């Protein structure tokens, strides 16, 4: 019986676990050899024997490291590590604590900003859905004139119901078209010629109400305002 067991063991090939032969594992073993090698110089033939793998597996590792300039070839079968010193501690304890403190501060700031965004979103929702505030949902011509960036420009002001679709096709020559389409009510378009601010200008104009000499309600074909 003993002879049969010994013969069975002799004929059976014991395979290594799949992880042992993986490239990740071999790379970790390779880096351990680099760390212990004098001046970071390794004989690839010796590496293959030490790791008990074929040489092409070692080349899989060295090709990647060479591609990111962490090693350089000294000869056909020798490489040298040219990256940072592997024996140095990357961070001292004070540096680690400093990074932890910074991470904690950033996390606290992120949480505060998230709360602020949620609060602003809630306030905006309450503001826009309140019937009491609806009567104040307008902008006057004087408000538009007060925006310096719009001076000496023709401004198109649009008053439209929710879910109105606006499309601006590619401009042709010197003409620009604006297409508006609504299924929930009429669309009003105002053309405002915003010149230099004039304090004597009337302030009784608001979009959606009356107009003054510098503002006109437009239903021209150029704007193609459509109610379905």
Protein backbone atom coordinates (compact mmCIF):
# COMPACT_ATOMS: atom_id res chain seq x y z
CA UNK A 1 0.00 0.00 0.00
CA UNK A 2 2.82 2.41 0.89
CA UNK A 3 4.59 1.75 -2.41
CA UNK A 4 1.40 2.46 -4.35
CA UNK A 5 0.91 5.82 -2.54
CA UNK A 6 4.50 6.87 -3.20
CA UNK A 7 4.13 5.95 -6.88
CA UNK A 8 0.89 7.92 -7.09
CA UNK A 9 2.50 11.01 -5.56
CA UNK A 10 5.44 10.70 -7.95
CA UNK A 11 3.21 10.65 -11.03
CA UNK A 12 0.82 13.42 -9.92
CA UNK A 13 1.87 16.97 -10.85
CA UNK A 14 1.06 19.44 -8.10
CA UNK A 15 0.03 22.80 -9.60
CA UNK A 16 0.51 26.10 -7.83
CA UNK A 17 -2.52 28.19 -6.89
CA UNK A 18 -3.64 30.42 -9.76
CA UNK A 19 -2.94 33.55 -7.72
CA UNK A 20 0.71 32.57 -7.20
CA UNK A 21 1.27 32.68 -10.96
CA UNK A 22 -0.67 35.89 -11.50
CA UNK A 23 1.09 38.96 -12.80
CA UNK A 24 0.13 40.98 -9.73
CA UNK A 25 1.74 38.52 -7.39
CA UNK A 26 4.84 38.19 -9.56
CA UNK A 27 5.18 41.97 -9.75
CA UNK A 28 5.13 42.21 -5.95
CA UNK A 29 7.83 39.52 -5.73
CA UNK A 30 9.82 41.30 -8.45
CA UNK A 31 9.70 44.59 -6.51
CA UNK A 32 10.92 42.84 -3.38
CA UNK A 33 13.93 41.61 -5.37
CA UNK A 34 14.54 45.12 -6.72
CA UNK A 35 14.46 46.55 -3.20
CA UNK A 36 17.14 44.08 -2.02
CA UNK A 37 19.33 44.30 -5.14
CA UNK A 38 22.60 46.26 -4.93
CA UNK A 39 22.12 49.57 -6.78
CA UNK A 40 18.79 48.22 -7.99
CA UNK A 41 20.44 46.03 -10.63
CA UNK A 42 18.87 42.64 -11.37
CA UNK A 43 19.84 39.68 -13.51
CA UNK A 44 16.63 38.63 -15.26
CA UNK A 45 17.80 35.04 -15.61
CA UNK A 46 18.28 34.86 -11.84
CA UNK A 47 14.89 36.56 -11.31
CA UNK A 48 13.16 33.92 -13.46
CA UNK A 49 14.82 31.12 -11.43
CA UNK A 50 13.98 32.76 -8.11
CA UNK A 51 10.33 33.30 -9.05
CA UNK A 52 10.13 29.87 -10.71
CA UNK A 53 8.52 31.23 -13.85
CA UNK A 54 9.40 31.41 -17.50
CA UNK A 55 11.49 34.36 -18.58
CA UNK A 56 8.70 35.76 -20.75
CA UNK A 57 6.66 36.32 -17.59
CA UNK A 58 9.49 38.42 -16.21
CA UNK A 59 9.55 40.37 -19.48
CA UNK A 60 5.83 41.12 -19.01
CA UNK A 61 6.78 42.97 -15.84
CA UNK A 62 9.91 44.71 -17.10
CA UNK A 63 8.21 45.91 -20.30
CA UNK A 64 5.60 47.77 -18.26
CA UNK A 65 8.14 49.26 -15.84
CA UNK A 66 10.38 50.28 -18.73
CA UNK A 67 7.39 51.91 -20.48
CA UNK A 68 6.79 54.20 -17.51
CA UNK A 69 10.51 54.93 -17.05
CA UNK A 70 10.97 53.17 -13.72
CA UNK A 71 13.74 50.86 -14.96
CA UNK A 72 16.36 50.98 -17.67
CA UNK A 73 18.15 48.18 -19.47
CA UNK A 74 21.81 47.76 -18.57
CA UNK A 75 22.37 44.82 -20.93
CA UNK A 76 20.38 42.05 -22.57
CA UNK A 77 19.63 40.32 -19.28
CA UNK A 78 20.19 43.08 -16.73
CA UNK A 79 17.96 45.96 -15.67
CA UNK A 80 18.37 48.75 -13.12
CA UNK A 81 15.72 50.48 -11.04
CA UNK A 82 15.75 54.26 -11.70
CA UNK A 83 12.57 55.23 -9.82
CA UNK A 84 12.37 56.68 -6.34
CA UNK A 85 14.24 55.04 -3.47
CA UNK A 86 12.09 52.08 -2.43
CA UNK A 87 13.65 51.98 1.02
CA UNK A 88 12.54 55.49 1.91
CA UNK A 89 9.34 55.96 3.87
CA UNK A 90 6.94 57.79 1.62
CA UNK A 91 5.41 59.87 4.42
CA UNK A 92 6.58 60.64 7.92
CA UNK A 93 4.08 60.38 10.74
CA UNK A 94 3.58 64.19 10.91
CA UNK A 95 2.92 64.24 7.14
CA UNK A 96 0.42 61.41 7.47
CA UNK A 97 -1.40 63.23 10.27
CA UNK A 98 -1.43 66.43 8.21
CA UNK A 99 -3.00 64.59 5.28
CA UNK A 100 -5.60 63.02 7.57
CA UNK A 101 -6.47 66.46 8.98
CA UNK A 102 -6.79 67.94 5.50
CA UNK A 103 -8.98 65.03 4.40
CA UNK A 104 -11.18 65.50 7.46
CA UNK A 105 -11.52 69.24 6.73
CA UNK A 106 -12.40 68.58 3.10
CA UNK A 107 -15.00 66.00 4.11
CA UNK A 108 -16.58 68.47 6.55
CA UNK A 109 -16.59 71.18 3.87
CA UNK A 110 -18.16 68.82 1.34
CA UNK A 111 -20.90 67.91 3.83
CA UNK A 112 -21.56 71.59 4.57
CA UNK A 113 -21.79 72.40 0.85
CA UNK A 114 -24.18 69.49 0.28
CA UNK A 115 -26.43 70.79 3.06
CA UNK A 116 -26.27 74.31 1.60
CA UNK A 117 -27.17 73.07 -1.88
CA UNK A 118 -30.12 71.11 -0.49
CA UNK A 119 -31.28 74.15 1.48
CA UNK A 120 -31.01 76.43 -1.57
CA UNK A 121 -32.88 73.92 -3.73
CA UNK A 122 -35.66 73.72 -1.13
CA UNK A 123 -35.92 77.51 -0.86
CA UNK A 124 -35.98 77.87 -4.64
CA UNK A 125 -38.74 75.27 -4.88
CA UNK A 126 -40.78 77.06 -2.22
CA UNK A 127 -40.21 80.39 -3.95
CA UNK A 128 -41.22 79.25 -7.42
CA UNK A 129 -44.26 77.23 -6.34
CA UNK A 130 -45.74 79.87 -4.02
CA UNK A 131 -48.87 81.52 -5.48
CA UNK A 132 -48.18 84.54 -3.31
CA UNK A 133 -44.81 85.07 -5.01
CA UNK A 134 -46.16 84.52 -8.53
CA UNK A 135 -47.25 88.16 -8.85
CA UNK A 136 -43.63 89.27 -8.37
CA UNK A 137 -42.25 86.96 -11.07
CA UNK A 138 -41.40 89.62 -13.63
CA UNK A 139 -38.53 91.84 -14.74
CA UNK A 140 -38.87 95.48 -15.80
CA UNK A 141 -37.31 97.21 -18.77
CA UNK A 142 -35.40 99.36 -16.29
CA UNK A 143 -33.94 96.17 -14.75
CA UNK A 144 -32.67 95.10 -18.17
CA UNK A 145 -31.21 98.55 -18.84
CA UNK A 146 -29.33 98.31 -15.55
CA UNK A 147 -27.25 95.38 -16.83
CA UNK A 148 -24.14 97.02 -18.30
CA UNK A 149 -23.18 93.94 -20.32
CA UNK A 150 -26.37 94.41 -22.38
CA UNK A 151 -25.80 98.06 -23.27
CA UNK A 152 -25.79 98.92 -26.98
CA UNK A 153 -27.36 95.54 -27.79
CA UNK A 154 -30.76 94.34 -28.95
CA UNK A 155 -32.19 92.05 -26.30
CA UNK A 156 -34.97 89.55 -26.99
CA UNK A 157 -37.12 89.02 -23.88
CA UNK A 158 -39.42 86.00 -23.94
CA UNK A 159 -42.36 85.36 -21.65
CA UNK A 160 -43.54 81.80 -22.09
CA UNK A 161 -45.32 79.08 -20.10
CA UNK A 162 -43.56 76.05 -18.63
CA UNK A 163 -42.04 73.43 -20.93
CA UNK A 164 -41.77 75.86 -23.84
CA UNK A 165 -39.23 74.60 -26.36
CA UNK A 166 -36.68 77.03 -27.79
CA UNK A 167 -34.49 76.23 -30.79
CA UNK A 168 -31.88 78.41 -32.47
CA UNK A 169 -30.98 77.03 -35.92
CA UNK A 170 -27.54 77.60 -37.41
CA UNK A 171 -27.41 81.29 -38.47
CA UNK A 172 -27.64 81.95 -42.22
CA UNK A 173 -25.70 84.94 -43.53
CA UNK A 174 -26.44 87.83 -41.13
CA UNK A 175 -29.83 86.56 -39.93
CA UNK A 176 -30.55 84.67 -36.74
CA UNK A 177 -33.79 82.75 -36.21
CA UNK A 178 -35.39 81.72 -32.93
CA UNK A 179 -38.07 79.02 -32.90
CA UNK A 180 -40.41 78.83 -29.90
CA UNK A 181 -43.05 76.16 -29.40
CA UNK A 182 -45.58 75.93 -26.57
CA UNK A 183 -48.45 73.59 -25.77
CA UNK A 184 -49.54 75.28 -22.53
CA UNK A 185 -50.35 78.85 -23.46
CA UNK A 186 -49.39 81.92 -25.51
CA UNK A 187 -45.84 83.15 -25.99
CA UNK A 188 -44.97 86.85 -25.75
CA UNK A 189 -41.76 88.20 -27.26
CA UNK A 190 -40.30 91.64 -26.55
CA UNK A 191 -37.53 93.31 -28.55
CA UNK A 192 -35.58 95.69 -26.31
CA UNK A 193 -33.06 98.13 -27.72
CA UNK A 194 -30.83 98.63 -24.69
CA UNK A 195 -28.91 101.89 -25.04
CA UNK A 196 -26.85 103.78 -22.44
CA UNK A 197 -28.65 104.02 -19.10
CA UNK A 198 -30.94 107.03 -18.94
CA UNK A 199 -32.12 107.89 -15.43
CA UNK A 200 -35.10 109.78 -16.86
CA UNK A 201 -36.34 106.65 -18.62
CA UNK A 202 -39.74 105.45 -17.49
CA UNK A 203 -39.67 102.56 -15.04
CA UNK A 204 -43.26 101.41 -15.52
CA UNK A 205 -42.51 98.66 -18.04
CA UNK A 206 -42.26 95.01 -17.18
CA UNK A 207 -42.20 91.99 -19.44
CA UNK A 208 -45.62 90.51 -19.62
CA UNK A 209 -47.41 93.82 -18.89
CA UNK A 210 -47.22 97.15 -20.76
CA UNK A 211 -44.48 98.38 -23.10
CA UNK A 212 -42.71 101.67 -23.68
CA UNK A 213 -41.16 103.29 -26.72
CA UNK A 214 -38.05 101.13 -26.51
CA UNK A 215 -39.89 97.83 -26.10
CA UNK A 216 -42.36 96.15 -28.42
CA UNK A 217 -44.31 92.93 -28.34
CA UNK A 218 -43.29 90.85 -31.32
CA UNK A 219 -45.12 88.13 -33.21
CA UNK A 220 -42.92 88.47 -36.26
CA UNK A 221 -42.15 85.49 -38.48
CA UNK A 222 -38.50 85.73 -37.59
CA UNK A 223 -39.16 84.46 -34.06
CA UNK A 224 -41.62 81.75 -35.13
CA UNK A 225 -43.46 81.69 -31.79
CA UNK A 226 -45.95 78.82 -32.04
CA UNK A 227 -48.70 77.76 -29.69
CA UNK A 228 -50.00 74.25 -30.20
